[in-house]
Amino acid sequence: MVMFTGTVDQFNERQEQARELAEQVAALLDQIDALGVGAATGQVLIPGGTIRRAPGNGWTVS
């Protein structure tokens, strides 16, 4: 793993980008579940958060 060496603003921007990508991943997991061939399970740890299944709400980013 490489240590981030940019500014605080750059770090915050990259964390926001990571969260936006995580939202896209959560939407894809919802689409996979909607196929009805079996539910995806588990959680995905990302910088600054977690993608996990929320009972009754599909996949969420927290």
PDB file of N, CA and C in Angstrom:
ATOM      1  N   MET A   1       0.844  -1.165   0.000  1.00  0.00           N
ATOM      2  CA  MET A   1       0.000   0.000   0.000  1.00  0.00           C
ATOM      3  C   MET A   1       0.896   1.236   0.000  1.00  0.00           C
ATOM      4  N   VAL A   2       0.488   2.238  -0.772  1.00  0.00           N
ATOM      5  CA  VAL A   2       1.253   3.476  -0.864  1.00  0.00           C
ATOM      6  C   VAL A   2       0.612   4.534   0.031  1.00  0.00           C
ATOM      7  N   MET A   3       1.421   5.255   0.777  1.00  0.00           N
ATOM      8  CA  MET A   3       0.926   6.309   1.653  1.00  0.00           C
ATOM      9  C   MET A   3       0.589   7.537   0.810  1.00  0.00           C
ATOM     10  N   PHE A   4      -0.579   8.120   1.041  1.00  0.00           N
ATOM     11  CA  PHE A   4      -0.990   9.331   0.329  1.00  0.00           C
ATOM     12  C   PHE A   4      -0.144  10.503   0.802  1.00  0.00           C
ATOM     13  N   THR A   5       0.370  11.302  -0.154  1.00  0.00           N
ATOM     14  CA  THR A   5       1.259  12.401   0.210  1.00  0.00           C
ATOM     15  C   THR A   5       0.761  13.758  -0.284  1.00  0.00           C
ATOM     16  N   GLY A   6      -0.499  13.837  -0.722  1.00  0.00           N
ATOM     17  CA  GLY A   6      -1.043  15.099  -1.217  1.00  0.00           C
ATOM     18  C   GLY A   6      -1.557  15.985  -0.098  1.00  0.00           C
ATOM     19  N   THR A   7      -2.312  16.996  -0.502  1.00  0.00           N
ATOM     20  CA  THR A   7      -2.872  17.948   0.461  1.00  0.00           C
ATOM     21  C   THR A   7      -4.140  17.382   1.096  1.00  0.00           C
ATOM     22  N   VAL A   8      -4.591  18.027   2.147  1.00  0.00           N
ATOM     23  CA  VAL A   8      -5.835  17.625   2.806  1.00  0.00           C
ATOM     24  C   VAL A   8      -7.006  17.734   1.826  1.00  0.00           C
ATOM     25  N   ASP A   9      -7.039  18.794   1.047  1.00  0.00           N
ATOM     26  CA  ASP A   9      -8.118  18.951   0.063  1.00  0.00           C
ATOM     27  C   ASP A   9      -8.094  17.833  -0.969  1.00  0.00           C
ATOM     28  N   GLN A  10      -6.913  17.453  -1.433  1.00  0.00           N
ATOM     29  CA  GLN A  10      -6.804  16.352  -2.388  1.00  0.00           C
ATOM     30  C   GLN A  10      -7.260  15.042  -1.752  1.00  0.00           C
ATOM     31  N   PHE A  11      -6.878  14.839  -0.500  1.00  0.00           N
ATOM     32  CA  PHE A  11      -7.298  13.627   0.212  1.00  0.00           C
ATOM     33  C   PHE A  11      -8.810  13.565   0.324  1.00  0.00           C
ATOM     34  N   ASN A  12      -9.423  14.677   0.726  1.00  0.00           N
ATOM     35  CA  ASN A  12     -10.882  14.716   0.858  1.00  0.00           C
ATOM     36  C   ASN A  12     -11.564  14.480  -0.483  1.00  0.00           C
ATOM     37  N   GLU A  13     -11.005  15.037  -1.547  1.00  0.00           N
ATOM     38  CA  GLU A  13     -11.562  14.832  -2.881  1.00  0.00           C
ATOM     39  C   GLU A  13     -11.493  13.363  -3.285  1.00  0.00           C
ATOM     40  N   ARG A  14     -10.376  12.729  -2.991  1.00  0.00           N
ATOM     41  CA  ARG A  14     -10.239  11.308  -3.333  1.00  0.00           C
ATOM     42  C   ARG A  14     -11.164  10.433  -2.500  1.00  0.00           C
ATOM     43  N   GLN A  15     -11.358  10.796  -1.250  1.00  0.00           N
ATOM     44  CA  GLN A  15     -12.306  10.028  -0.434  1.00  0.00           C
ATOM     45  C   GLN A  15     -13.716  10.163  -0.997  1.00  0.00           C
ATOM     46  N   GLU A  16     -14.073  11.340  -1.464  1.00  0.00           N
ATOM     47  CA  GLU A  16     -15.389  11.543  -2.075  1.00  0.00           C
ATOM     48  C   GLU A  16     -15.512  10.717  -3.355  1.00  0.00           C
ATOM     49  N   GLN A  17     -14.454  10.673  -4.141  1.00  0.00           N
ATOM     50  CA  GLN A  17     -14.460   9.848  -5.344  1.00  0.00           C
ATOM     51  C   GLN A  17     -14.634   8.373  -4.986  1.00  0.00           C
ATOM     52  N   ALA A  18     -13.954   7.934  -3.933  1.00  0.00           N
ATOM     53  CA  ALA A  18     -14.081   6.545  -3.487  1.00  0.00           C
ATOM     54  C   ALA A  18     -15.516   6.252  -3.063  1.00  0.00           C
ATOM     55  N   ARG A  19     -16.144   7.179  -2.376  1.00  0.00           N
ATOM     56  CA  ARG A  19     -17.534   6.977  -1.948  1.00  0.00           C
ATOM     57  C   ARG A  19     -18.472   6.911  -3.155  1.00  0.00           C
ATOM     58  N   GLU A  20     -18.254   7.763  -4.150  1.00  0.00           N
ATOM     59  CA  GLU A  20     -19.089   7.732  -5.349  1.00  0.00           C
ATOM     60  C   GLU A  20     -18.949   6.394  -6.072  1.00  0.00           C
ATOM     61  N   LEU A  21     -17.725   5.884  -6.158  1.00  0.00           N
ATOM     62  CA  LEU A  21     -17.522   4.575  -6.775  1.00  0.00           C
ATOM     63  C   LEU A  21     -18.177   3.477  -5.947  1.00  0.00           C
ATOM     64  N   ALA A  22     -18.108   3.601  -4.625  1.00  0.00           N
ATOM     65  CA  ALA A  22     -18.750   2.612  -3.752  1.00  0.00           C
ATOM     66  C   ALA A  22     -20.258   2.605  -3.962  1.00  0.00           C
ATOM     67  N   GLU A  23     -20.860   3.772  -4.177  1.00  0.00           N
ATOM     68  CA  GLU A  23     -22.299   3.838  -4.468  1.00  0.00           C
ATOM     69  C   GLU A  23     -22.614   3.079  -5.753  1.00  0.00           C
ATOM     70  N   GLN A  24     -21.731   3.179  -6.740  1.00  0.00           N
ATOM     71  CA  GLN A  24     -21.929   2.443  -7.991  1.00  0.00           C
ATOM     72  C   GLN A  24     -21.832   0.932  -7.763  1.00  0.00           C
ATOM     73  N   VAL A  25     -20.876   0.526  -6.917  1.00  0.00           N
ATOM     74  CA  VAL A  25     -20.732  -0.897  -6.588  1.00  0.00           C
ATOM     75  C   VAL A  25     -21.992  -1.396  -5.884  1.00  0.00           C
ATOM     76  N   ALA A  26     -22.513  -0.617  -4.942  1.00  0.00           N
ATOM     77  CA  ALA A  26     -23.733  -1.008  -4.228  1.00  0.00           C
ATOM     78  C   ALA A  26     -24.889  -1.164  -5.206  1.00  0.00           C
ATOM     79  N   ALA A  27     -25.000  -0.268  -6.180  1.00  0.00           N
ATOM     80  CA  ALA A  27     -26.072  -0.364  -7.182  1.00  0.00           C
ATOM     81  C   ALA A  27     -25.905  -1.627  -8.021  1.00  0.00           C
ATOM     82  N   LEU A  28     -24.677  -1.987  -8.361  1.00  0.00           N
ATOM     83  CA  LEU A  28     -24.443  -3.219  -9.119  1.00  0.00           C
ATOM     84  C   LEU A  28     -24.821  -4.446  -8.291  1.00  0.00           C
ATOM     85  N   LEU A  29     -24.491  -4.447  -7.008  1.00  0.00           N
ATOM     86  CA  LEU A  29     -24.863  -5.575  -6.150  1.00  0.00           C
ATOM     87  C   LEU A  29     -26.382  -5.703  -6.054  1.00  0.00           C
ATOM     88  N   ASP A  30     -27.088  -4.571  -5.990  1.00  0.00           N
ATOM     89  CA  ASP A  30     -28.554  -4.611  -5.999  1.00  0.00           C
ATOM     90  C   ASP A  30     -29.064  -5.230  -7.294  1.00  0.00           C
ATOM     91  N   GLN A  31     -28.435  -4.885  -8.409  1.00  0.00           N
ATOM     92  CA  GLN A  31     -28.854  -5.440  -9.703  1.00  0.00           C
ATOM     93  C   GLN A  31     -28.610  -6.943  -9.763  1.00  0.00           C
ATOM     94  N   ILE A  32     -27.481  -7.388  -9.214  1.00  0.00           N
ATOM     95  CA  ILE A  32     -27.189  -8.824  -9.173  1.00  0.00           C
ATOM     96  C   ILE A  32     -28.233  -9.538  -8.333  1.00  0.00           C
ATOM     97  N   ASP A  33     -28.566  -8.983  -7.169  1.00  0.00           N
ATOM     98  CA  ASP A  33     -29.598  -9.585  -6.315  1.00  0.00           C
ATOM     99  C   ASP A  33     -30.932  -9.647  -7.041  1.00  0.00           C
ATOM    100  N   ALA A  34     -31.257  -8.615  -7.819  1.00  0.00           N
ATOM    101  CA  ALA A  34     -32.542  -8.552  -8.520  1.00  0.00           C
ATOM    102  C   ALA A  34     -32.669  -9.620  -9.596  1.00  0.00           C
ATOM    103  N   LEU A  35     -31.585 -10.207 -10.037  1.00  0.00           N
ATOM    104  CA  LEU A  35     -31.651 -11.278 -11.029  1.00  0.00           C
ATOM    105  C   LEU A  35     -32.351 -12.515 -10.474  1.00  0.00           C
ATOM    106  N   GLY A  36     -32.357 -12.636  -9.158  1.00  0.00           N
ATOM    107  CA  GLY A  36     -33.070 -13.741  -8.528  1.00  0.00           C
ATOM    108  C   GLY A  36     -32.358 -15.076  -8.575  1.00  0.00           C
ATOM    109  N   VAL A  37     -31.062 -15.077  -8.860  1.00  0.00           N
ATOM    110  CA  VAL A  37     -30.339 -16.345  -8.926  1.00  0.00           C
ATOM    111  C   VAL A  37     -29.561 -16.622  -7.641  1.00  0.00           C
ATOM    112  N   GLY A  38     -29.734 -15.780  -6.657  1.00  0.00           N
ATOM    113  CA  GLY A  38     -29.055 -15.916  -5.377  1.00  0.00           C
ATOM    114  C   GLY A  38     -28.582 -14.549  -4.927  1.00  0.00           C
ATOM    115  N   ALA A  39     -28.585 -14.349  -3.653  1.00  0.00           N
ATOM    116  CA  ALA A  39     -28.214 -13.049  -3.113  1.00  0.00           C
ATOM    117  C   ALA A  39     -26.713 -12.976  -2.869  1.00  0.00           C
ATOM    118  N   ALA A  40     -26.138 -11.817  -3.176  1.00  0.00           N
ATOM    119  CA  ALA A  40     -24.751 -11.556  -2.804  1.00  0.00           C
ATOM    120  C   ALA A  40     -24.713 -11.361  -1.291  1.00  0.00           C
ATOM    121  N   THR A  41     -23.617 -11.720  -0.659  1.00  0.00           N
ATOM    122  CA  THR A  41     -23.521 -11.594   0.790  1.00  0.00           C
ATOM    123  C   THR A  41     -22.197 -10.957   1.182  1.00  0.00           C
ATOM    124  N   GLY A  42     -22.103 -10.570   2.423  1.00  0.00           N
ATOM    125  CA  GLY A  42     -20.857 -10.055   2.963  1.00  0.00           C
ATOM    126  C   GLY A  42     -20.817  -8.545   2.996  1.00  0.00           C
ATOM    127  N   GLN A  43     -19.598  -8.022   3.069  1.00  0.00           N
ATOM    128  CA  GLN A  43     -19.398  -6.593   3.078  1.00  0.00           C
ATOM    129  C   GLN A  43     -18.071  -6.299   2.394  1.00  0.00           C
ATOM    130  N   VAL A  44     -17.938  -5.074   1.922  1.00  0.00           N
ATOM    131  CA  VAL A  44     -16.717  -4.631   1.260  1.00  0.00           C
ATOM    132  C   VAL A  44     -16.210  -3.415   2.016  1.00  0.00           C
ATOM    133  N   LEU A  45     -14.977  -3.489   2.494  1.00  0.00           N
ATOM    134  CA  LEU A  45     -14.374  -2.357   3.197  1.00  0.00           C
ATOM    135  C   LEU A  45     -13.686  -1.471   2.173  1.00  0.00           C
ATOM    136  N   ILE A  46     -13.978  -0.182   2.243  1.00  0.00           N
ATOM    137  CA  ILE A  46     -13.362   0.793   1.346  1.00  0.00           C
ATOM    138  C   ILE A  46     -12.732   1.885   2.207  1.00  0.00           C
ATOM    139  N   PRO A  47     -11.824   2.672   1.635  1.00  0.00           N
ATOM    140  CA  PRO A  47     -11.283   3.785   2.422  1.00  0.00           C
ATOM    141  C   PRO A  47     -12.406   4.713   2.873  1.00  0.00           C
ATOM    142  N   GLY A  48     -12.553   4.866   4.159  1.00  0.00           N
ATOM    143  CA  GLY A  48     -13.560   5.774   4.686  1.00  0.00           C
ATOM    144  C   GLY A  48     -14.952   5.204   4.811  1.00  0.00           C
ATOM    145  N   GLY A  49     -15.148   3.907   4.614  1.00  0.00           N
ATOM    146  CA  GLY A  49     -16.498   3.375   4.744  1.00  0.00           C
ATOM    147  C   GLY A  49     -16.599   1.889   4.479  1.00  0.00           C
ATOM    148  N   THR A  50     -17.846   1.417   4.418  1.00  0.00           N
ATOM    149  CA  THR A  50     -18.147   0.010   4.199  1.00  0.00           C
ATOM    150  C   THR A  50     -19.378  -0.105   3.311  1.00  0.00           C
ATOM    151  N   ILE A  51     -19.321  -1.047   2.359  1.00  0.00           N
ATOM    152  CA  ILE A  51     -20.493  -1.386   1.556  1.00  0.00           C
ATOM    153  C   ILE A  51     -21.066  -2.639   2.186  1.00  0.00           C
ATOM    154  N   ARG A  52     -22.338  -2.581   2.596  1.00  0.00           N
ATOM    155  CA  ARG A  52     -22.955  -3.764   3.228  1.00  0.00           C
ATOM    156  C   ARG A  52     -24.439  -3.800   2.917  1.00  0.00           C
ATOM    157  N   ARG A  53     -24.996  -4.990   3.090  1.00  0.00           N
ATOM    158  CA  ARG A  53     -26.431  -5.156   2.881  1.00  0.00           C
ATOM    159  C   ARG A  53     -27.183  -4.611   4.108  1.00  0.00           C
ATOM    160  N   ALA A  54     -28.154  -3.754   3.832  1.00  0.00           N
ATOM    161  CA  ALA A  54     -29.026  -3.231   4.893  1.00  0.00           C
ATOM    162  C   ALA A  54     -30.357  -3.965   4.771  1.00  0.00           C
ATOM    163  N   PRO A  55     -30.773  -4.709   5.794  1.00  0.00           N
ATOM    164  CA  PRO A  55     -32.007  -5.483   5.712  1.00  0.00           C
ATOM    165  C   PRO A  55     -33.176  -4.642   5.194  1.00  0.00           C
ATOM    166  N   GLY A  56     -33.760  -5.111   4.111  1.00  0.00           N
ATOM    167  CA  GLY A  56     -34.917  -4.435   3.522  1.00  0.00           C
ATOM    168  C   GLY A  56     -34.563  -3.229   2.655  1.00  0.00           C
ATOM    169  N   ASN A  57     -33.304  -2.867   2.607  1.00  0.00           N
ATOM    170  CA  ASN A  57     -32.889  -1.689   1.840  1.00  0.00           C
ATOM    171  C   ASN A  57     -31.834  -1.980   0.784  1.00  0.00           C
ATOM    172  N   GLY A  58     -31.494  -3.236   0.572  1.00  0.00           N
ATOM    173  CA  GLY A  58     -30.449  -3.547  -0.390  1.00  0.00           C
ATOM    174  C   GLY A  58     -29.070  -3.161   0.128  1.00  0.00           C
ATOM    175  N   TRP A  59     -28.172  -2.885  -0.775  1.00  0.00           N
ATOM    176  CA  TRP A  59     -26.798  -2.556  -0.425  1.00  0.00           C
ATOM    177  C   TRP A  59     -26.651  -1.076  -0.174  1.00  0.00           C
ATOM    178  N   THR A  60     -25.902  -0.717   0.855  1.00  0.00           N
ATOM    179  CA  THR A  60     -25.712   0.687   1.214  1.00  0.00           C
ATOM    180  C   THR A  60     -24.232   0.952   1.489  1.00  0.00           C
ATOM    181  N   VAL A  61     -23.884   2.208   1.474  1.00  0.00           N
ATOM    182  CA  VAL A  61     -22.525   2.644   1.807  1.00  0.00           C
ATOM    183  C   VAL A  61     -22.610   3.447   3.090  1.00  0.00           C
ATOM    184  N   SER A  62     -21.793   3.048   4.056  1.00  0.00           N
ATOM    185  CA  SER A  62     -21.775   3.791   5.324  1.00  0.00           C
ATOM    186  C   SER A  62     -20.353   4.116   5.710  1.00  0.00           C
TER     187      SER A  62
END
